[in-house]
Structure formats: C-alpha cells, structure tokens
Protein backbone atom coordinates (compact mmCIF):
# COMPACT_ATOMS: atom_id res chain seq x y z
CA MET A 1 140.79 -13.06 136.91
CA ASN A 2 137.40 -14.10 135.32
CA PRO A 3 137.79 -17.83 134.20
CA ASN A 4 135.29 -17.14 131.26
CA PRO A 5 136.40 -14.13 129.22
CA GLU A 6 132.71 -13.75 127.71
CA THR A 7 131.18 -12.67 131.24
CA PRO A 8 131.43 -9.32 132.43
CA PRO A 9 133.41 -9.17 135.86
CA GLY A 10 131.54 -9.15 138.83
CA GLN A 11 128.44 -11.22 137.15
CA PRO A 12 127.91 -14.85 138.11
CA CYS A 13 128.83 -17.56 135.47
CA PRO A 14 125.89 -18.63 133.74
CA CYS A 15 126.11 -22.61 133.37
CA ALA A 16 124.29 -24.58 131.02
CA ASN A 17 120.57 -25.25 131.17
CA GLY A 18 120.63 -23.13 134.57
CA LYS A 19 122.32 -26.08 136.66
CA THR A 20 124.46 -24.69 139.34
CA ARG A 21 126.32 -26.18 142.34
CA ARG A 22 123.95 -24.45 144.97
CA ASN A 23 120.80 -25.69 142.94
CA PHE A 24 122.09 -29.15 142.85
CA LEU A 25 122.95 -28.85 146.92
CA PHE A 26 119.47 -27.64 147.62
CA LEU A 27 117.96 -30.83 145.60
CA VAL A 28 119.98 -32.89 147.39
CA GLY A 29 119.01 -31.33 150.68
CA ALA A 30 115.38 -31.38 150.16
CA GLY A 31 115.95 -35.17 149.28
CA PHE A 32 117.42 -36.14 152.38
CA ASN A 33 114.73 -33.81 154.37
CA ALA A 34 111.68 -35.85 152.33
CA LEU A 35 113.53 -39.07 153.34
CA ALA A 36 113.71 -38.19 156.91
CA GLY A 37 110.09 -37.15 157.09
CA VAL A 38 109.01 -40.62 155.48
CA LEU A 39 111.18 -42.47 157.57
CA LEU A 40 109.51 -40.91 160.81
CA THR A 41 106.07 -41.24 159.35
CA LEU A 42 105.92 -44.50 158.37
CA PRO A 43 106.01 -46.11 162.35
CA LEU A 44 103.39 -43.50 163.26
CA VAL A 45 101.16 -44.80 160.51
CA GLY A 46 101.83 -48.42 161.42
CA TYR A 47 100.87 -47.82 165.03
CA VAL A 48 97.68 -45.86 164.16
CA LEU A 49 96.39 -49.00 161.52
CA SER A 50 97.83 -51.55 163.86
CA SER A 51 94.82 -51.74 165.97
CA ARG A 52 92.60 -52.32 162.91
CA ARG A 53 94.37 -55.79 161.75
CA ARG A 54 94.97 -57.08 165.16
CA LYS A 55 92.53 -59.13 166.64
CA LEU A 56 93.27 -60.10 170.88
CA PRO A 57 94.85 -63.50 171.27
CA THR A 58 92.70 -65.26 173.76
CA GLN A 59 92.06 -68.91 174.65
CA TRP A 60 90.94 -71.33 177.43
CA ILE A 61 93.64 -71.87 179.58
CA SER A 62 93.93 -74.08 182.93
CA LEU A 63 94.31 -72.82 186.39
CA GLY A 64 94.46 -76.12 188.23
CA PRO A 65 92.12 -78.88 189.50
CA VAL A 66 88.88 -77.56 190.93
CA ALA A 67 89.96 -79.01 194.18
CA LYS A 68 92.86 -76.62 194.38
CA PHE A 69 90.43 -73.93 195.30
CA PRO A 70 88.14 -74.87 198.38
CA THR A 71 84.89 -73.14 198.83
CA GLY A 72 84.81 -70.05 200.65
CA THR A 73 88.24 -69.23 199.73
CA THR A 74 89.64 -66.27 197.64
CA ARG A 75 93.42 -67.39 196.42
CA LEU A 76 96.06 -65.98 194.26
CA ALA A 77 96.24 -68.30 190.70
CA GLU A 78 98.28 -67.84 187.90
CA TYR A 79 98.59 -68.98 184.41
CA ARG A 80 101.05 -68.65 181.76
CA ASN A 81 100.15 -66.03 178.90
CA PRO A 82 99.93 -67.81 175.30
CA MET A 83 101.52 -64.91 173.96
CA THR A 84 105.25 -65.05 175.18
CA ARG A 85 108.61 -65.64 173.94
CA PRO A 86 111.15 -67.86 175.53
CA TRP A 87 112.99 -64.74 176.68
CA ASP A 88 109.59 -62.98 178.71
CA GLY A 89 110.60 -64.99 181.75
CA LYS A 90 108.38 -64.99 184.77
CA THR A 91 106.67 -61.75 183.06
CA GLY A 92 104.67 -64.17 181.14
CA ASP A 93 103.06 -65.49 184.13
CA ILE A 94 99.55 -63.79 184.71
CA PRO A 95 98.41 -63.66 188.05
CA CYS A 96 94.44 -63.64 188.88
CA TRP A 97 92.25 -63.74 192.10
CA VAL A 98 89.99 -66.95 192.28
CA ARG A 99 87.03 -66.89 194.61
CA SER A 100 85.31 -70.22 195.08
CA LEU A 101 81.89 -69.54 195.88
CA GLY A 102 80.94 -73.52 196.23
CA SER A 103 78.85 -75.81 194.04
CA GLY A 104 81.41 -75.12 191.14
CA LYS A 105 80.82 -71.57 191.08
CA PHE A 106 83.55 -69.14 190.83
CA GLN A 107 84.53 -65.78 190.44
CA ILE A 108 87.94 -65.00 188.41
CA PHE A 109 89.08 -61.43 189.02
CA ALA A 110 92.21 -59.94 186.86
CA ILE A 111 94.87 -58.68 189.63
CA ASN A 112 95.01 -55.39 188.03
CA CYS A 113 93.03 -52.30 189.95
CA THR A 114 90.44 -50.49 187.56
CA HIS A 115 91.83 -47.21 188.49
CA LEU A 116 95.44 -47.24 187.13
CA GLY A 117 96.56 -51.15 186.99
CA CYS A 118 98.13 -51.35 190.20
CA PRO A 119 98.00 -55.12 191.43
CA VAL A 120 95.52 -55.67 194.20
CA ARG A 121 95.69 -57.67 197.07
CA TRP A 122 93.45 -59.79 199.02
CA PHE A 123 92.96 -59.06 202.98
CA GLU A 124 91.13 -62.49 204.15
CA GLN A 125 90.52 -60.61 207.80
CA SER A 126 88.53 -57.67 206.18
CA ARG A 127 87.48 -59.84 203.35
CA LEU A 128 88.19 -56.82 200.84
CA PHE A 129 90.88 -56.34 197.60
CA MET A 130 92.91 -53.45 198.41
CA CYS A 131 94.97 -51.42 195.72
CA PRO A 132 98.16 -50.06 197.35
CA CYS A 133 98.90 -47.37 194.83
CA HIS A 134 95.82 -45.10 195.82
CA GLY A 135 93.84 -46.50 198.32
CA GLY A 136 91.48 -48.26 195.89
CA ALA A 137 89.14 -51.06 197.91
CA TYR A 138 86.53 -53.79 196.39
CA TYR A 139 84.19 -56.32 198.13
CA GLU A 140 84.86 -59.74 198.06
CA ASP A 141 82.21 -60.19 195.15
CA GLY A 142 84.51 -57.64 193.14
CA SER A 143 82.39 -54.62 193.38
CA ARG A 144 83.90 -51.02 194.09
CA ALA A 145 83.99 -50.46 197.93
CA ALA A 146 86.00 -47.18 198.04
CA GLY A 147 88.59 -44.69 196.78
CA PRO A 148 89.15 -43.84 193.12
CA PRO A 149 88.69 -46.79 191.02
CA PRO A 150 85.52 -46.14 188.71
CA ARG A 151 84.20 -49.50 188.19
CA GLY A 152 84.51 -53.10 189.79
CA LEU A 153 87.60 -55.42 189.58
CA PHE A 154 87.69 -56.88 185.86
CA GLU A 155 86.38 -60.42 186.02
CA TYR A 156 87.57 -63.60 183.41
CA GLU A 157 85.35 -65.79 181.68
CA HIS A 158 85.69 -69.25 182.82
CA LYS A 159 84.57 -72.78 182.92
CA ILE A 160 84.99 -76.26 184.10
CA GLU A 161 86.30 -78.68 182.01
CA ASN A 162 87.43 -82.37 182.99
CA GLY A 163 87.79 -81.34 186.60
CA GLU A 164 89.88 -78.59 185.67
CA LEU A 165 89.19 -74.72 186.10
CA VAL A 166 89.60 -72.77 182.79
CA VAL A 167 89.94 -69.37 182.15
CA LYS A 168 89.81 -67.24 178.77
CA GLY A 169 92.90 -65.34 178.97
CA GLY A 170 95.94 -63.80 176.59
CA PHE A 171 95.82 -60.18 177.89
CA ILE A 172 95.70 -58.21 180.78
CA PRO A 173 92.53 -56.29 180.92
CA THR A 174 92.64 -52.52 180.89
CA LEU A 175 89.48 -49.58 180.92
CA ALA A 176 90.02 -49.64 177.26
CA ARG A 177 90.03 -53.27 176.76
CA PRO A 178 88.10 -54.57 179.41
CA LEU A 179 87.11 -58.50 179.72
CA SER A 180 84.00 -57.70 181.89
CA THR A 181 82.87 -55.89 185.02
CA VAL A 182 81.75 -56.58 188.27
C-alpha cells in the first residue's frame, strides 16, 4: 500500500523541502563527530600552549645549618618541594647531595642521573657517585666519569643566609630543564 496516492509505486516519497529522516540522522551523526573531535583536540591544544604560560616555581629553601655539613664530606639532604599538595606525602620531599668544600663553599647536586634520571648514590670509599640503572659514574665534583650519562650532575644554585645553607629549588632538573651542569 502506498501511503501517498499521488506518488507512483516504487518511488520514494518526496518530503517538504527535501527533509528526510536519513538527512536528519546524518546531520545528527556529523554533529556528534564534530563534538567528539573538539573534545579530543582541546586537551592537546592546552598541552601545547601550557609551556608558554607557566613559569617554573623556584624559591630559596633551607637545607639546614651549615654546621650540619662538615668540611670534606658529601651528605644527603632533602627539602620540601614548594609546589606540593597535602596529599603528596613523602613524594614532595626532594633529595640532593651536599658536598662541603670548606671555607663556606659547597656544591649541591641533584640526585638524578643526567642519563635517564635514576637516583645516584654516593660511595665514600671510591669517592664516586654511581647510578644503579645503567652504570653511570661521576667524580666527587659532579663531573662525568664513565658510562652513558652525557654530562655531569646537575648543580643547584645555593647561598648561605643566617648560618643556613639554602638552595634555589622547586623542581627536579632534567636535560630539558637543567639548573646548571658541572
């Protein structure tokens, strides 16, 4: 049975102004696809533009009194990252190696290997920093000794204020964002 007697059998029913259910559903589907494309693109655009609007949050942070670091020693110290949240817990503590040279002179190294960022350890007997991940080694002054690291350890800016050793900290240095290198 043909619902429209004016249309010959076997011919599609012409609707007013060419509006058909098929065209309507096509437009709805295209709209959903466009919306999904925008929702997937927004985070990517935000990621690309985020580096342009954000400055690195650094500030001077105390490592403790100068007397805590005797001359000729290399000690592990740690400071609280100023950009932590209450739920960060122990992960907000950033360790560093403090080498006391005497006469109020220090070298403060980031704990991260310059190869892939693994934590380096200080070995007093050999007077070397060693990376357990790929066998990188550094001399006591932080310069590269052996292995795959491309350069020496990252060194923090520091100063002495009111008998306290303070470092300019706030982020962990990497090859992309070094503090300085030895």
